[in-house]
Amino acid sequence: MRERGECLKMLKNDIKEQIVAQMTPSSAKYKETLKMLIIQGMIRLLEDEVEIKVREGEQSLVRSIINDCEREYS
Protein backbone atom coordinates (compact mmCIF):
# COMPACT_ATOMS: atom_id res chain seq x y z
CA MET A 1 0.00 0.00 0.00
CA ARG A 2 2.79 2.40 0.92
CA GLU A 3 4.75 1.45 -2.19
CA ARG A 4 1.72 2.15 -4.36
CA GLY A 5 1.35 5.57 -2.74
CA GLU A 6 5.00 6.35 -3.43
CA CYS A 7 4.62 5.34 -7.09
CA LEU A 8 1.57 7.57 -7.46
CA LYS A 9 3.41 10.44 -5.81
CA MET A 10 6.36 10.02 -8.20
CA LEU A 11 4.02 9.84 -11.18
CA LYS A 12 2.24 13.01 -10.08
CA ASN A 13 5.56 14.85 -9.73
CA ASP A 14 6.74 13.66 -13.16
CA ILE A 15 3.53 14.83 -14.82
CA LYS A 16 3.72 18.18 -13.04
CA GLU A 17 7.28 18.68 -14.28
CA GLN A 18 6.24 17.86 -17.85
CA ILE A 19 3.35 20.32 -17.73
CA VAL A 20 5.55 23.09 -16.34
CA ALA A 21 8.16 22.43 -19.04
CA GLN A 22 5.60 22.47 -21.87
CA MET A 23 3.48 25.38 -20.66
CA THR A 24 5.89 28.27 -20.98
CA PRO A 25 4.18 31.58 -21.84
CA SER A 26 5.85 31.53 -25.26
CA SER A 27 4.54 28.08 -26.23
CA ALA A 28 1.61 27.46 -28.55
CA LYS A 29 0.05 25.13 -25.97
CA TYR A 30 0.05 27.89 -23.37
CA LYS A 31 -1.59 30.32 -25.78
CA GLU A 32 -4.27 27.79 -26.75
CA THR A 33 -4.91 26.85 -23.13
CA LEU A 34 -5.24 30.49 -22.13
CA LYS A 35 -7.66 31.10 -25.00
CA MET A 36 -9.81 28.14 -23.98
CA LEU A 37 -9.83 29.24 -20.33
CA ILE A 38 -10.99 32.72 -21.32
CA ILE A 39 -13.75 31.29 -23.52
CA GLN A 40 -14.84 28.89 -20.77
CA GLY A 41 -15.02 31.78 -18.32
CA MET A 42 -17.10 33.82 -20.76
CA ILE A 43 -19.51 30.93 -21.23
CA ARG A 44 -19.89 30.32 -17.50
CA LEU A 45 -20.50 34.00 -16.73
CA LEU A 46 -22.98 34.62 -19.57
CA GLU A 47 -22.53 38.38 -19.29
CA ASP A 48 -22.54 41.02 -22.02
CA GLU A 49 -19.21 42.37 -20.77
CA VAL A 50 -16.40 40.45 -19.08
CA GLU A 51 -13.35 41.89 -17.36
CA ILE A 52 -10.18 39.83 -17.57
CA LYS A 53 -7.36 40.29 -15.08
CA VAL A 54 -4.04 39.54 -16.70
CA ARG A 55 -0.68 38.80 -15.14
CA GLU A 56 1.99 41.40 -15.65
CA GLY A 57 3.86 40.73 -18.86
CA GLU A 58 1.04 38.81 -20.56
CA GLN A 59 -1.06 41.76 -21.70
CA SER A 60 0.17 41.53 -25.30
CA LEU A 61 -0.49 37.79 -25.39
CA VAL A 62 -4.07 38.26 -24.22
CA ARG A 63 -4.60 41.14 -26.65
CA SER A 64 -3.43 38.88 -29.48
CA ILE A 65 -6.05 36.21 -28.70
CA ILE A 66 -8.98 38.27 -27.45
CA ASN A 67 -10.60 38.62 -30.89
CA ASP A 68 -10.41 34.85 -31.39
CA CYS A 69 -11.98 34.37 -27.96
CA GLU A 70 -14.85 36.71 -28.79
CA ARG A 71 -15.40 35.06 -32.17
CA GLU A 72 -15.47 31.53 -30.73
CA TYR A 73 -17.70 32.63 -27.85
CA SER A 74 -20.23 34.02 -30.34
C-alpha atoms as a PDB file:
ATOM      1  CA  MET A   1       0.000   0.000   0.000  1.00  0.00           C
ATOM      2  CA  ARG A   2       2.789   2.400   0.924  1.00  0.00           C
ATOM      3  CA  GLU A   3       4.755   1.447  -2.192  1.00  0.00           C
ATOM      4  CA  ARG A   4       1.721   2.148  -4.363  1.00  0.00           C
ATOM      5  CA  GLY A   5       1.351   5.566  -2.739  1.00  0.00           C
ATOM      6  CA  GLU A   6       4.999   6.355  -3.429  1.00  0.00           C
ATOM      7  CA  CYS A   7       4.616   5.340  -7.088  1.00  0.00           C
ATOM      8  CA  LEU A   8       1.566   7.568  -7.459  1.00  0.00           C
ATOM      9  CA  LYS A   9       3.408  10.441  -5.807  1.00  0.00           C
ATOM     10  CA  MET A  10       6.363  10.025  -8.203  1.00  0.00           C
ATOM     11  CA  LEU A  11       4.019   9.840 -11.182  1.00  0.00           C
ATOM     12  CA  LYS A  12       2.236  13.007 -10.080  1.00  0.00           C
ATOM     13  CA  ASN A  13       5.557  14.851  -9.729  1.00  0.00           C
ATOM     14  CA  ASP A  14       6.743  13.660 -13.156  1.00  0.00           C
ATOM     15  CA  ILE A  15       3.528  14.827 -14.818  1.00  0.00           C
ATOM     16  CA  LYS A  16       3.720  18.182 -13.039  1.00  0.00           C
ATOM     17  CA  GLU A  17       7.283  18.681 -14.285  1.00  0.00           C
ATOM     18  CA  GLN A  18       6.238  17.859 -17.854  1.00  0.00           C
ATOM     19  CA  ILE A  19       3.349  20.317 -17.729  1.00  0.00           C
ATOM     20  CA  VAL A  20       5.545  23.094 -16.340  1.00  0.00           C
ATOM     21  CA  ALA A  21       8.157  22.432 -19.036  1.00  0.00           C
ATOM     22  CA  GLN A  22       5.602  22.472 -21.870  1.00  0.00           C
ATOM     23  CA  MET A  23       3.476  25.380 -20.662  1.00  0.00           C
ATOM     24  CA  THR A  24       5.886  28.270 -20.975  1.00  0.00           C
ATOM     25  CA  PRO A  25       4.179  31.579 -21.839  1.00  0.00           C
ATOM     26  CA  SER A  26       5.855  31.528 -25.256  1.00  0.00           C
ATOM     27  CA  SER A  27       4.541  28.082 -26.225  1.00  0.00           C
ATOM     28  CA  ALA A  28       1.612  27.461 -28.552  1.00  0.00           C
ATOM     29  CA  LYS A  29       0.045  25.126 -25.968  1.00  0.00           C
ATOM     30  CA  TYR A  30       0.049  27.894 -23.374  1.00  0.00           C
ATOM     31  CA  LYS A  31      -1.594  30.320 -25.785  1.00  0.00           C
ATOM     32  CA  GLU A  32      -4.271  27.788 -26.754  1.00  0.00           C
ATOM     33  CA  THR A  33      -4.914  26.846 -23.125  1.00  0.00           C
ATOM     34  CA  LEU A  34      -5.237  30.494 -22.131  1.00  0.00           C
ATOM     35  CA  LYS A  35      -7.658  31.098 -25.001  1.00  0.00           C
ATOM     36  CA  MET A  36      -9.806  28.137 -23.979  1.00  0.00           C
ATOM     37  CA  LEU A  37      -9.831  29.243 -20.330  1.00  0.00           C
ATOM     38  CA  ILE A  38     -10.994  32.722 -21.318  1.00  0.00           C
ATOM     39  CA  ILE A  39     -13.751  31.290 -23.522  1.00  0.00           C
ATOM     40  CA  GLN A  40     -14.843  28.892 -20.770  1.00  0.00           C
ATOM     41  CA  GLY A  41     -15.018  31.781 -18.318  1.00  0.00           C
ATOM     42  CA  MET A  42     -17.096  33.817 -20.764  1.00  0.00           C
ATOM     43  CA  ILE A  43     -19.510  30.926 -21.233  1.00  0.00           C
ATOM     44  CA  ARG A  44     -19.895  30.324 -17.496  1.00  0.00           C
ATOM     45  CA  LEU A  45     -20.503  33.998 -16.730  1.00  0.00           C
ATOM     46  CA  LEU A  46     -22.981  34.616 -19.572  1.00  0.00           C
ATOM     47  CA  GLU A  47     -22.525  38.378 -19.286  1.00  0.00           C
ATOM     48  CA  ASP A  48     -22.542  41.024 -22.018  1.00  0.00           C
ATOM     49  CA  GLU A  49     -19.206  42.367 -20.775  1.00  0.00           C
ATOM     50  CA  VAL A  50     -16.403  40.446 -19.083  1.00  0.00           C
ATOM     51  CA  GLU A  51     -13.348  41.890 -17.357  1.00  0.00           C
ATOM     52  CA  ILE A  52     -10.178  39.834 -17.574  1.00  0.00           C
ATOM     53  CA  LYS A  53      -7.364  40.290 -15.081  1.00  0.00           C
ATOM     54  CA  VAL A  54      -4.037  39.543 -16.696  1.00  0.00           C
ATOM     55  CA  ARG A  55      -0.676  38.795 -15.137  1.00  0.00           C
ATOM     56  CA  GLU A  56       1.993  41.401 -15.653  1.00  0.00           C
ATOM     57  CA  GLY A  57       3.864  40.728 -18.861  1.00  0.00           C
ATOM     58  CA  GLU A  58       1.042  38.808 -20.558  1.00  0.00           C
ATOM     59  CA  GLN A  59      -1.058  41.764 -21.702  1.00  0.00           C
ATOM     60  CA  SER A  60       0.168  41.533 -25.302  1.00  0.00           C
ATOM     61  CA  LEU A  61      -0.489  37.794 -25.386  1.00  0.00           C
ATOM     62  CA  VAL A  62      -4.075  38.259 -24.220  1.00  0.00           C
ATOM     63  CA  ARG A  63      -4.601  41.145 -26.652  1.00  0.00           C
ATOM     64  CA  SER A  64      -3.430  38.880 -29.477  1.00  0.00           C
ATOM     65  CA  ILE A  65      -6.047  36.208 -28.704  1.00  0.00           C
ATOM     66  CA  ILE A  66      -8.979  38.268 -27.446  1.00  0.00           C
ATOM     67  CA  ASN A  67     -10.603  38.620 -30.891  1.00  0.00           C
ATOM     68  CA  ASP A  68     -10.409  34.845 -31.389  1.00  0.00           C
ATOM     69  CA  CYS A  69     -11.981  34.366 -27.957  1.00  0.00           C
ATOM     70  CA  GLU A  70     -14.846  36.707 -28.786  1.00  0.00           C
ATOM     71  CA  ARG A  71     -15.398  35.055 -32.169  1.00  0.00           C
ATOM     72  CA  GLU A  72     -15.468  31.534 -30.727  1.00  0.00           C
ATOM     73  CA  TYR A  73     -17.702  32.629 -27.853  1.00  0.00           C
ATOM     74  CA  SER A  74     -20.234  34.018 -30.342  1.00  0.00           C
END
